[in-house]
Every structure is written in C-alpha cells, then in structure tokens.
Protein backbone atom coordinates (compact mmCIF):
# COMPACT_ATOMS: atom_id res chain seq x y z
CA PHE A 1 -16.57 2.77 8.87
CA GLY A 2 -17.07 5.44 11.51
CA GLY A 3 -16.14 3.06 14.31
CA THR A 4 -12.94 2.04 12.56
CA ALA A 5 -12.04 5.69 11.97
CA LEU A 6 -12.60 6.48 15.67
CA ILE A 7 -10.47 3.55 16.82
CA SER A 8 -7.67 4.55 14.41
CA ALA A 9 -7.80 8.18 15.53
CA PHE A 10 -7.74 7.11 19.18
CA MET A 11 -4.71 4.87 18.64
CA MET A 12 -2.87 7.65 16.78
CA CYS A 13 -3.53 10.05 19.66
CA VAL A 14 -2.33 7.52 22.23
CA GLY A 15 0.84 6.89 20.21
CA PHE A 16 1.54 10.60 19.84
CA LEU A 17 0.86 11.29 23.52
CA THR A 18 3.23 8.45 24.46
CA PHE A 19 6.22 9.59 22.38
CA GLY A 20 5.41 13.15 21.31
CA GLY A 21 6.99 14.83 18.32
CA ALA A 22 10.17 12.75 18.66
CA CYS A 23 8.31 9.62 17.55
CA LYS A 24 10.26 7.60 14.96
CA GLY A 25 8.65 6.43 11.72
CA MET A 26 8.82 2.78 12.76
CA ILE A 27 6.90 2.96 16.03
CA LEU A 28 8.66 -0.09 17.48
CA ASN A 29 12.01 1.74 17.27
CA ASN A 30 10.78 4.04 20.06
CA TYR A 31 10.83 1.18 22.57
CA SER A 32 13.87 -0.17 24.36
CA THR A 33 15.66 -3.16 22.86
CA LEU A 34 15.22 -4.80 26.26
CA ASP A 35 11.42 -4.58 26.07
CA LYS A 36 10.28 -8.17 25.48
CA GLY A 37 6.89 -7.16 24.06
CA ALA A 38 8.46 -4.75 21.57
CA THR A 39 11.05 -7.39 20.62
CA LEU A 40 8.28 -9.91 19.95
CA CYS A 41 6.45 -7.30 17.85
CA ARG A 42 9.65 -6.60 15.88
CA LEU A 43 9.97 -10.33 15.17
CA LEU A 44 6.34 -10.53 14.06
CA MET A 45 6.81 -7.42 11.87
CA GLY A 46 9.79 -9.12 10.20
CA ILE A 47 7.73 -12.24 9.57
CA SER A 48 4.96 -10.06 8.15
CA LEU A 49 7.39 -8.32 5.79
CA LEU A 50 8.83 -11.63 4.63
CA GLY A 51 5.38 -13.16 4.25
CA SER A 52 4.08 -10.26 2.19
CA TYR A 53 6.97 -10.56 -0.26
CA ALA A 54 5.27 -13.32 -2.27
CA PHE A 55 2.07 -11.28 -2.72
CA LEU A 56 3.90 -8.09 -3.64
CA SER A 57 6.33 -9.78 -6.02
CA LYS A 58 3.50 -11.56 -7.86
CA GLY A 59 1.66 -8.27 -8.27
CA MET A 60 4.82 -6.47 -9.33
CA ARG A 61 5.65 -9.22 -11.84
CA SER A 62 2.12 -9.14 -13.29
CA ALA A 63 2.27 -5.36 -13.67
CA PHE A 64 5.70 -5.66 -15.31
CA TYR A 65 4.31 -8.18 -17.81
CA GLU A 66 1.31 -5.96 -18.55
CA ILE A 67 3.55 -2.99 -19.28
CA PHE A 68 6.36 -4.64 -21.24
CA TYR A 69 4.88 -7.87 -22.63
CA LYS A 70 1.21 -7.10 -23.22
CA GLY A 71 -0.28 -9.60 -25.64
CA LYS A 72 2.90 -11.68 -25.86
CA GLU A 73 3.50 -15.17 -24.55
CA ILE A 74 5.59 -15.26 -21.37
CA THR A 75 8.23 -17.95 -21.82
CA ASP A 76 10.22 -19.49 -18.99
CA LYS A 77 13.24 -17.47 -20.09
CA ILE A 78 11.29 -14.19 -19.83
CA HIS A 79 9.84 -15.25 -16.49
CA TYR A 80 13.22 -16.11 -14.96
CA ARG A 81 14.90 -13.00 -16.39
CA THR A 82 12.10 -10.79 -15.07
CA MET A 83 12.34 -12.30 -11.59
CA GLN A 84 16.15 -11.86 -11.60
CA ILE A 85 15.74 -8.18 -12.48
CA LEU A 86 13.01 -7.54 -9.91
CA ILE A 87 14.77 -9.44 -7.12
CA GLY A 88 18.02 -7.65 -8.01
CA ILE A 89 16.30 -4.27 -7.69
CA LEU A 90 14.72 -5.24 -4.37
CA THR A 91 18.00 -6.62 -3.02
CA THR A 92 19.87 -3.47 -4.05
CA LEU A 93 17.27 -1.33 -2.31
CA ALA A 94 17.50 -3.51 0.80
CA LEU A 95 21.29 -3.00 0.90
CA PHE A 96 20.93 0.78 0.87
CA LEU A 97 17.85 1.16 3.05
CA GLY A 98 18.79 0.40 6.63
CA ASP A 99 15.44 1.53 8.06
CA ALA A 100 12.61 -0.98 7.81
CA GLY A 101 10.32 1.83 8.95
CA PHE A 102 10.70 3.44 5.54
CA VAL A 103 9.57 0.27 3.76
CA VAL A 104 6.68 -0.18 6.18
CA SER A 105 5.56 3.45 5.86
CA VAL A 106 5.67 3.50 2.04
CA THR A 107 3.92 0.13 1.84
CA GLY A 108 1.32 1.28 4.35
CA ALA A 109 0.69 4.52 2.49
CA VAL A 110 0.30 2.90 -0.91
CA LEU A 111 -1.47 -0.32 0.04
CA GLY A 112 -3.61 1.34 2.72
CA SER A 113 -4.85 3.98 0.29
CA SER A 114 -5.41 1.33 -2.35
CA LEU A 115 -7.43 -0.93 -0.07
CA ILE A 116 -9.53 1.89 1.32
CA TYR A 117 -9.95 4.44 -1.47
CA ILE A 118 -9.02 2.85 -4.79
CA ILE A 119 -9.96 -0.83 -5.02
CA PRO A 120 -13.59 -0.72 -3.73
CA PRO A 121 -14.64 2.19 -5.99
CA TYR A 122 -12.83 0.60 -8.93
CA LEU A 123 -14.75 -2.64 -8.40
CA PHE A 124 -18.00 -0.68 -8.14
CA LEU A 125 -17.28 1.17 -11.39
CA LYS A 126 -16.39 -2.04 -13.25
CA SER A 127 -19.46 -3.83 -11.90
CA THR A 128 -21.91 -1.05 -12.72
CA LYS A 129 -20.42 -0.58 -16.19
CA ARG A 130 -20.75 -4.31 -16.94
CA ARG A 131 -24.32 -4.43 -15.59
CA THR A 132 -25.46 -1.32 -17.49
CA THR A 133 -23.89 -2.68 -20.68
CA ASP A 134 -25.70 -6.02 -20.43
CA GLY A 135 -28.97 -4.31 -19.44
CA SER A 136 -29.35 -5.70 -15.93
CA LEU A 137 -28.90 -2.23 -14.39
CA THR A 138 -30.68 0.94 -15.43
CA THR A 139 -28.72 4.18 -15.63
CA THR A 140 -30.32 6.70 -13.27
CA SER A 141 -29.22 10.07 -11.98
CA THR A 142 -28.41 8.41 -8.64
CA LEU A 143 -26.18 5.87 -10.36
CA LYS A 144 -24.44 8.61 -12.33
CA PHE A 145 -23.78 10.49 -9.07
CA GLU A 146 -22.49 7.32 -7.37
CA ARG A 147 -20.16 6.61 -10.28
CA LEU A 148 -18.89 10.20 -10.22
CA TRP A 149 -18.36 9.98 -6.44
CA ASN A 150 -16.42 6.73 -6.84
CA LYS A 151 -14.19 8.31 -9.49
CA PHE A 152 -13.51 11.11 -7.02
CA LEU A 153 -12.63 8.55 -4.32
CA ILE A 154 -10.14 6.88 -6.67
CA CYS A 155 -8.48 10.25 -7.34
CA LEU A 156 -8.44 10.96 -3.61
CA GLY A 157 -6.87 7.55 -2.97
CA VAL A 158 -4.15 8.17 -5.53
CA PHE A 159 -3.48 11.56 -3.93
CA PHE A 160 -3.26 10.02 -0.44
CA ALA A 161 -0.98 7.22 -1.67
CA VAL A 162 1.38 9.65 -3.41
CA ALA A 163 1.30 12.11 -0.49
CA GLY A 164 1.92 9.34 2.07
CA ALA A 165 4.75 7.80 0.08
CA GLY A 166 6.19 11.28 -0.54
CA MET A 167 6.11 12.10 3.16
CA SER A 168 7.82 8.80 3.93
CA VAL A 169 10.58 9.64 1.44
CA ALA A 170 10.90 13.18 2.77
CA ASN A 171 11.04 12.09 6.42
CA THR A 172 13.55 9.32 5.73
CA PHE A 173 15.95 11.03 3.32
CA PHE A 174 15.43 14.72 4.15
CA PRO A 175 14.66 14.87 7.89
CA HIS A 176 14.00 18.28 9.38
C-alpha cells in the first residue's frame, strides 16, 4: 500500500510540475492535438469509457431494481423500460456535457474511493459477521476494534467519494 501511495504521489507531483496550476481536469487536454502519444492516449481513454459502460449500466440497473422493484419479478417489459429510461438519461447527459474530463473525474472519485475505502472494509464486515454468527470466529476486543476501524474507513470512503465528485462538479460548472 505504501509503495502504491508513493508512486501515486510522485506522479501527481510530476503532473503538477509539468503544467502548474493551469492544468485542466482531463490531463490529456493539456497536450497538443498534434502530439501522437497524447492522441493515442485519448483514443484509448475513449475505448476505456465505452468499455466500462456495460459494467456501469449493469450495476446501475441492478441498483435501480433494488430500489424500485425489491422483491418483485422483473419482466421483460420492466427490463426494457428500465434500460430505455437509463440510456435516455445517460444520452441526455452526454448531449449537455461536452467535457469528458468531468465524466472521468466523477467516475474516478466515486469508483476509486469505492475500490479503495468502501468495498474491502464492507467485505471484511460481512465476512466477520457471518463467521461470528456461525461460530467459526470468536468475538475478541481486537476483532471489535478491527470492525470499528473498517466502519470508519467506509465513512471515510463515502466522504472522499462525495468530496471528489463535488469538486469535479464545482470545477466543471463553477470554475474560479
């Protein structure tokens, strides 16, 4: 973990020292359109965004079903109507958002915080709860502290996700 944090901090410093305070949210927009390497990276970023659509839409659809159709059977009609609504919302947003950097920054803030701070502690909490319930794990003061620490990490992750997404919104729609 420490090595990854050092590499990330180093890369952030190099990026800031390269472009300074005038750095745009989508780092590739700082490079010339004639730069072949940056153009290739833009193409790969586009492929990445298109490729991630299937994963994100499945997750969004599942969450939608959990909220609005919990315990009910999902018919083909509900499935198709849901996908029309969700794709319509995404298409409308795409028409009004001309900066892919905004999408990348919000996605990075939310998914990055989730992958680092929310999902691992959540899995730990679910696992330890299941194992203490079935008797294969004994509740100790160390375990109680670990569970409390993991709950704190989840709260921290939610804070970072909201703060990161909020900063992306603020920088995109209310630049200083």
